[in-house]
Amino acid sequence: MPLTMLNYGEAAAIKRIGGKEESKRFLKNLGFTVGEQVKIIASNNGNVIVQVKDSRIAVSRGIANKIMV
């Protein structure tokens, strides 16, 4: 399921990252890699703030829908 489907406070492991190669590389540099745990800190209309590798990162709805957990 996409990252946007997780609820506040819920954590899950990343299973797959879709999208263009540029987007995948950008997300990888931010710490979004397959197997990494992500936790939803806040959500607003599909846009999410997640915790990944001790960092908090805001992700748009479009990008969050490409991250499968």
PDB file of N, CA and C in Angstrom:
ATOM      1  N   MET A   1       0.846  -1.176   0.000  1.00  0.00           N
ATOM      2  CA  MET A   1       0.000   0.000   0.000  1.00  0.00           C
ATOM      3  C   MET A   1       0.894   1.243   0.000  1.00  0.00           C
ATOM      4  N   PRO A   2       0.384   2.361  -0.497  1.00  0.00           N
ATOM      5  CA  PRO A   2       1.201   3.583  -0.531  1.00  0.00           C
ATOM      6  C   PRO A   2       1.363   4.194   0.858  1.00  0.00           C
ATOM      7  N   LEU A   3       2.402   4.979   1.006  1.00  0.00           N
ATOM      8  CA  LEU A   3       2.717   5.628   2.275  1.00  0.00           C
ATOM      9  C   LEU A   3       1.560   6.480   2.785  1.00  0.00           C
ATOM     10  N   THR A   4       0.770   7.050   1.890  1.00  0.00           N
ATOM     11  CA  THR A   4      -0.346   7.909   2.297  1.00  0.00           C
ATOM     12  C   THR A   4      -1.429   7.153   3.048  1.00  0.00           C
ATOM     13  N   MET A   5      -1.448   5.834   2.975  1.00  0.00           N
ATOM     14  CA  MET A   5      -2.469   5.036   3.643  1.00  0.00           C
ATOM     15  C   MET A   5      -2.150   4.769   5.117  1.00  0.00           C
ATOM     16  N   LEU A   6      -0.925   5.045   5.546  1.00  0.00           N
ATOM     17  CA  LEU A   6      -0.581   4.852   6.959  1.00  0.00           C
ATOM     18  C   LEU A   6      -1.236   5.932   7.799  1.00  0.00           C
ATOM     19  N   ASN A   7      -1.572   5.597   9.026  1.00  0.00           N
ATOM     20  CA  ASN A   7      -2.181   6.540   9.956  1.00  0.00           C
ATOM     21  C   ASN A   7      -1.113   7.208  10.808  1.00  0.00           C
ATOM     22  N   TYR A   8      -1.510   8.279  11.494  1.00  0.00           N
ATOM     23  CA  TYR A   8      -0.609   9.006  12.388  1.00  0.00           C
ATOM     24  C   TYR A   8       0.024   8.060  13.408  1.00  0.00           C
ATOM     25  N   GLY A   9       1.336   8.128  13.547  1.00  0.00           N
ATOM     26  CA  GLY A   9       2.048   7.309  14.512  1.00  0.00           C
ATOM     27  C   GLY A   9       2.379   5.912  14.042  1.00  0.00           C
ATOM     28  N   GLU A  10       1.874   5.521  12.904  1.00  0.00           N
ATOM     29  CA  GLU A  10       2.091   4.178  12.381  1.00  0.00           C
ATOM     30  C   GLU A  10       3.438   4.104  11.660  1.00  0.00           C
ATOM     31  N   ALA A  11       4.126   2.986  11.815  1.00  0.00           N
ATOM     32  CA  ALA A  11       5.417   2.778  11.167  1.00  0.00           C
ATOM     33  C   ALA A  11       5.336   1.550  10.266  1.00  0.00           C
ATOM     34  N   ALA A  12       6.142   1.557   9.207  1.00  0.00           N
ATOM     35  CA  ALA A  12       6.191   0.426   8.280  1.00  0.00           C
ATOM     36  C   ALA A  12       7.521   0.450   7.538  1.00  0.00           C
ATOM     37  N   ALA A  13       7.871  -0.683   6.965  1.00  0.00           N
ATOM     38  CA  ALA A  13       9.091  -0.782   6.166  1.00  0.00           C
ATOM     39  C   ALA A  13       8.767  -0.472   4.711  1.00  0.00           C
ATOM     40  N   ILE A  14       9.683   0.179   4.036  1.00  0.00           N
ATOM     41  CA  ILE A  14       9.515   0.490   2.612  1.00  0.00           C
ATOM     42  C   ILE A  14       9.717  -0.786   1.801  1.00  0.00           C
ATOM     43  N   LYS A  15       8.754  -1.109   0.955  1.00  0.00           N
ATOM     44  CA  LYS A  15       8.822  -2.314   0.122  1.00  0.00           C
ATOM     45  C   LYS A  15       9.327  -1.999  -1.286  1.00  0.00           C
ATOM     46  N   ARG A  16       8.889  -0.834  -1.830  1.00  0.00           N
ATOM     47  CA  ARG A  16       9.236  -0.485  -3.205  1.00  0.00           C
ATOM     48  C   ARG A  16       9.063   1.011  -3.391  1.00  0.00           C
ATOM     49  N   ILE A  17       9.876   1.591  -4.266  1.00  0.00           N
ATOM     50  CA  ILE A  17       9.749   3.001  -4.609  1.00  0.00           C
ATOM     51  C   ILE A  17       9.572   3.089  -6.112  1.00  0.00           C
ATOM     52  N   GLY A  18       8.457   3.694  -6.542  1.00  0.00           N
ATOM     53  CA  GLY A  18       8.170   3.834  -7.961  1.00  0.00           C
ATOM     54  C   GLY A  18       8.524   5.228  -8.452  1.00  0.00           C
ATOM     55  N   GLY A  19       8.258   5.469  -9.720  1.00  0.00           N
ATOM     56  CA  GLY A  19       8.499   6.786 -10.294  1.00  0.00           C
ATOM     57  C   GLY A  19       9.699   6.814 -11.202  1.00  0.00           C
ATOM     58  N   LYS A  20      10.045   8.021 -11.634  1.00  0.00           N
ATOM     59  CA  LYS A  20      11.186   8.215 -12.521  1.00  0.00           C
ATOM     60  C   LYS A  20      12.489   7.997 -11.767  1.00  0.00           C
ATOM     61  N   GLU A  21      13.537   7.710 -12.516  1.00  0.00           N
ATOM     62  CA  GLU A  21      14.842   7.436 -11.921  1.00  0.00           C
ATOM     63  C   GLU A  21      15.347   8.620 -11.093  1.00  0.00           C
ATOM     64  N   GLU A  22      15.086   9.838 -11.559  1.00  0.00           N
ATOM     65  CA  GLU A  22      15.503  11.033 -10.816  1.00  0.00           C
ATOM     66  C   GLU A  22      14.840  11.083  -9.441  1.00  0.00           C
ATOM     67  N   SER A  23      13.551  10.787  -9.409  1.00  0.00           N
ATOM     68  CA  SER A  23      12.807  10.798  -8.143  1.00  0.00           C
ATOM     69  C   SER A  23      13.321   9.725  -7.198  1.00  0.00           C
ATOM     70  N   LYS A  24      13.584   8.550  -7.730  1.00  0.00           N
ATOM     71  CA  LYS A  24      14.095   7.455  -6.906  1.00  0.00           C
ATOM     72  C   LYS A  24      15.442   7.822  -6.301  1.00  0.00           C
ATOM     73  N   ARG A  25      16.318   8.419  -7.102  1.00  0.00           N
ATOM     74  CA  ARG A  25      17.640   8.812  -6.631  1.00  0.00           C
ATOM     75  C   ARG A  25      17.530   9.888  -5.542  1.00  0.00           C
ATOM     76  N   PHE A  26      16.644  10.859  -5.759  1.00  0.00           N
ATOM     77  CA  PHE A  26      16.433  11.928  -4.778  1.00  0.00           C
ATOM     78  C   PHE A  26      15.958  11.346  -3.452  1.00  0.00           C
ATOM     79  N   LEU A  27      14.971  10.452  -3.502  1.00  0.00           N
ATOM     80  CA  LEU A  27      14.446   9.839  -2.282  1.00  0.00           C
ATOM     81  C   LEU A  27      15.506   8.986  -1.592  1.00  0.00           C
ATOM     82  N   LYS A  28      16.310   8.289  -2.378  1.00  0.00           N
ATOM     83  CA  LYS A  28      17.378   7.470  -1.796  1.00  0.00           C
ATOM     84  C   LYS A  28      18.365   8.343  -1.038  1.00  0.00           C
ATOM     85  N   ASN A  29      18.689   9.516  -1.595  1.00  0.00           N
ATOM     86  CA  ASN A  29      19.608  10.434  -0.926  1.00  0.00           C
ATOM     87  C   ASN A  29      19.024  10.981   0.376  1.00  0.00           C
ATOM     88  N   LEU A  30      17.695  11.044   0.472  1.00  0.00           N
ATOM     89  CA  LEU A  30      17.039  11.494   1.696  1.00  0.00           C
ATOM     90  C   LEU A  30      16.928  10.388   2.746  1.00  0.00           C
ATOM     91  N   GLY A  31      17.204   9.139   2.351  1.00  0.00           N
ATOM     92  CA  GLY A  31      17.143   8.022   3.291  1.00  0.00           C
ATOM     93  C   GLY A  31      16.026   7.036   3.016  1.00  0.00           C
ATOM     94  N   PHE A  32      15.223   7.288   1.984  1.00  0.00           N
ATOM     95  CA  PHE A  32      14.133   6.375   1.630  1.00  0.00           C
ATOM     96  C   PHE A  32      14.693   5.230   0.794  1.00  0.00           C
ATOM     97  N   THR A  33      15.037   4.139   1.462  1.00  0.00           N
ATOM     98  CA  THR A  33      15.556   2.965   0.769  1.00  0.00           C
ATOM     99  C   THR A  33      14.702   1.758   1.133  1.00  0.00           C
ATOM    100  N   VAL A  34      14.700   0.763   0.272  1.00  0.00           N
ATOM    101  CA  VAL A  34      13.922  -0.456   0.505  1.00  0.00           C
ATOM    102  C   VAL A  34      14.401  -1.106   1.797  1.00  0.00           C
ATOM    103  N   GLY A  35      13.457  -1.444   2.654  1.00  0.00           N
ATOM    104  CA  GLY A  35      13.748  -2.067   3.937  1.00  0.00           C
ATOM    105  C   GLY A  35      13.832  -1.083   5.092  1.00  0.00           C
ATOM    106  N   GLU A  36      13.971   0.197   4.800  1.00  0.00           N
ATOM    107  CA  GLU A  36      14.066   1.228   5.848  1.00  0.00           C
ATOM    108  C   GLU A  36      12.700   1.458   6.490  1.00  0.00           C
ATOM    109  N   GLN A  37      12.688   1.683   7.803  1.00  0.00           N
ATOM    110  CA  GLN A  37      11.452   1.965   8.527  1.00  0.00           C
ATOM    111  C   GLN A  37      11.084   3.439   8.388  1.00  0.00           C
ATOM    112  N   VAL A  38       9.821   3.720   8.109  1.00  0.00           N
ATOM    113  CA  VAL A  38       9.308   5.088   8.075  1.00  0.00           C
ATOM    114  C   VAL A  38       8.132   5.174   9.040  1.00  0.00           C
ATOM    115  N   LYS A  39       8.006   6.330   9.684  1.00  0.00           N
ATOM    116  CA  LYS A  39       6.926   6.540  10.648  1.00  0.00           C
ATOM    117  C   LYS A  39       6.230   7.845  10.308  1.00  0.00           C
ATOM    118  N   ILE A  40       4.902   7.825  10.287  1.00  0.00           N
ATOM    119  CA  ILE A  40       4.117   9.018   9.992  1.00  0.00           C
ATOM    120  C   ILE A  40       4.088   9.910  11.225  1.00  0.00           C
ATOM    121  N   ILE A  41       4.568  11.141  11.084  1.00  0.00           N
ATOM    122  CA  ILE A  41       4.559  12.116  12.174  1.00  0.00           C
ATOM    123  C   ILE A  41       3.310  12.991  12.072  1.00  0.00           C
ATOM    124  N   ALA A  42       2.957  13.398  10.846  1.00  0.00           N
ATOM    125  CA  ALA A  42       1.769  14.227  10.619  1.00  0.00           C
ATOM    126  C   ALA A  42       1.287  14.021   9.201  1.00  0.00           C
ATOM    127  N   SER A  43      -0.007  14.270   8.996  1.00  0.00           N
ATOM    128  CA  SER A  43      -0.601  14.135   7.669  1.00  0.00           C
ATOM    129  C   SER A  43      -1.620  15.246   7.461  1.00  0.00           C
ATOM    130  N   ASN A  44      -1.615  15.841   6.256  1.00  0.00           N
ATOM    131  CA  ASN A  44      -2.540  16.913   5.932  1.00  0.00           C
ATOM    132  C   ASN A  44      -2.928  16.805   4.460  1.00  0.00           C
ATOM    133  N   ASN A  45      -4.141  16.360   4.198  1.00  0.00           N
ATOM    134  CA  ASN A  45      -4.646  16.207   2.827  1.00  0.00           C
ATOM    135  C   ASN A  45      -3.744  15.345   1.948  1.00  0.00           C
ATOM    136  N   GLY A  46      -3.161  14.310   2.517  1.00  0.00           N
ATOM    137  CA  GLY A  46      -2.315  13.415   1.733  1.00  0.00           C
ATOM    138  C   GLY A  46      -0.843  13.752   1.806  1.00  0.00           C
ATOM    139  N   ASN A  47      -0.498  15.014   2.058  1.00  0.00           N
ATOM    140  CA  ASN A  47       0.893  15.391   2.275  1.00  0.00           C
ATOM    141  C   ASN A  47       1.290  14.890   3.655  1.00  0.00           C
ATOM    142  N   VAL A  48       2.500  14.352   3.776  1.00  0.00           N
ATOM    143  CA  VAL A  48       2.888  13.744   5.044  1.00  0.00           C
ATOM    144  C   VAL A  48       4.251  14.240   5.514  1.00  0.00           C
ATOM    145  N   ILE A  49       4.428  14.206   6.825  1.00  0.00           N
ATOM    146  CA  ILE A  49       5.736  14.404   7.432  1.00  0.00           C
ATOM    147  C   ILE A  49       6.101  13.059   8.027  1.00  0.00           C
ATOM    148  N   VAL A  50       7.239  12.519   7.606  1.00  0.00           N
ATOM    149  CA  VAL A  50       7.649  11.192   8.056  1.00  0.00           C
ATOM    150  C   VAL A  50       8.995  11.270   8.766  1.00  0.00           C
ATOM    151  N   GLN A  51       9.205  10.300   9.624  1.00  0.00           N
ATOM    152  CA  GLN A  51      10.508  10.150  10.262  1.00  0.00           C
ATOM    153  C   GLN A  51      11.201   8.978   9.600  1.00  0.00           C
ATOM    154  N   VAL A  52      12.395   9.237   9.077  1.00  0.00           N
ATOM    155  CA  VAL A  52      13.196   8.196   8.452  1.00  0.00           C
ATOM    156  C   VAL A  52      14.654   8.458   8.819  1.00  0.00           C
ATOM    157  N   LYS A  53      15.326   7.455   9.363  1.00  0.00           N
ATOM    158  CA  LYS A  53      16.728   7.573   9.773  1.00  0.00           C
ATOM    159  C   LYS A  53      16.967   8.790  10.663  1.00  0.00           C
ATOM    160  N   ASP A  54      16.219   8.939  11.710  1.00  0.00           N
ATOM    161  CA  ASP A  54      16.368  10.028  12.684  1.00  0.00           C
ATOM    162  C   ASP A  54      16.171  11.422  12.097  1.00  0.00           C
ATOM    163  N   SER A  55      15.550  11.536  10.937  1.00  0.00           N
ATOM    164  CA  SER A  55      15.243  12.829  10.317  1.00  0.00           C
ATOM    165  C   SER A  55      13.755  12.914  10.043  1.00  0.00           C
ATOM    166  N   ARG A  56      13.225  14.133  10.098  1.00  0.00           N
ATOM    167  CA  ARG A  56      11.829  14.368   9.730  1.00  0.00           C
ATOM    168  C   ARG A  56      11.803  15.043   8.374  1.00  0.00           C
ATOM    169  N   ILE A  57      11.033  14.477   7.463  1.00  0.00           N
ATOM    170  CA  ILE A  57      10.997  14.955   6.086  1.00  0.00           C
ATOM    171  C   ILE A  57       9.551  15.112   5.641  1.00  0.00           C
ATOM    172  N   ALA A  58       9.245  16.250   5.022  1.00  0.00           N
ATOM    173  CA  ALA A  58       7.917  16.481   4.450  1.00  0.00           C
ATOM    174  C   ALA A  58       7.902  15.956   3.020  1.00  0.00           C
ATOM    175  N   VAL A  59       6.857  15.218   2.689  1.00  0.00           N
ATOM    176  CA  VAL A  59       6.729  14.611   1.364  1.00  0.00           C
ATOM    177  C   VAL A  59       5.349  14.938   0.804  1.00  0.00           C
ATOM    178  N   SER A  60       5.304  15.330  -0.451  1.00  0.00           N
ATOM    179  CA  SER A  60       4.014  15.649  -1.084  1.00  0.00           C
ATOM    180  C   SER A  60       3.194  14.378  -1.296  1.00  0.00           C
ATOM    181  N   ARG A  61       1.921  14.567  -1.545  1.00  0.00           N
ATOM    182  CA  ARG A  61       1.020  13.435  -1.771  1.00  0.00           C
ATOM    183  C   ARG A  61       1.482  12.612  -2.979  1.00  0.00           C
ATOM    184  N   GLY A  62       1.889  13.282  -4.056  1.00  0.00           N
ATOM    185  CA  GLY A  62       2.317  12.585  -5.269  1.00  0.00           C
ATOM    186  C   GLY A  62       3.508  11.672  -5.027  1.00  0.00           C
ATOM    187  N   ILE A  63       4.502  12.177  -4.308  1.00  0.00           N
ATOM    188  CA  ILE A  63       5.682  11.370  -3.995  1.00  0.00           C
ATOM    189  C   ILE A  63       5.328  10.270  -3.009  1.00  0.00           C
ATOM    190  N   ALA A  64       4.528  10.597  -1.996  1.00  0.00           N
ATOM    191  CA  ALA A  64       4.153   9.610  -0.978  1.00  0.00           C
ATOM    192  C   ALA A  64       3.386   8.441  -1.601  1.00  0.00           C
ATOM    193  N   ASN A  65       2.618   8.704  -2.646  1.00  0.00           N
ATOM    194  CA  ASN A  65       1.886   7.625  -3.317  1.00  0.00           C
ATOM    195  C   ASN A  65       2.812   6.687  -4.081  1.00  0.00           C
ATOM    196  N   LYS A  66       4.029   7.102  -4.370  1.00  0.00           N
ATOM    197  CA  LYS A  66       4.985   6.258  -5.089  1.00  0.00           C
ATOM    198  C   LYS A  66       5.844   5.422  -4.157  1.00  0.00           C
ATOM    199  N   ILE A  67       5.743   5.694  -2.854  1.00  0.00           N
ATOM    200  CA  ILE A  67       6.500   4.921  -1.854  1.00  0.00           C
ATOM    201  C   ILE A  67       5.572   3.859  -1.283  1.00  0.00           C
ATOM    202  N   MET A  68       5.864   2.609  -1.593  1.00  0.00           N
ATOM    203  CA  MET A  68       5.027   1.487  -1.147  1.00  0.00           C
ATOM    204  C   MET A  68       5.599   0.878   0.122  1.00  0.00           C
ATOM    205  N   VAL A  69       4.698   0.681   1.102  1.00  0.00           N
ATOM    206  CA  VAL A  69       5.101   0.085   2.382  1.00  0.00           C
ATOM    207  C   VAL A  69       4.344  -1.196   2.640  1.00  0.00           C
TER     208      VAL A  69
END
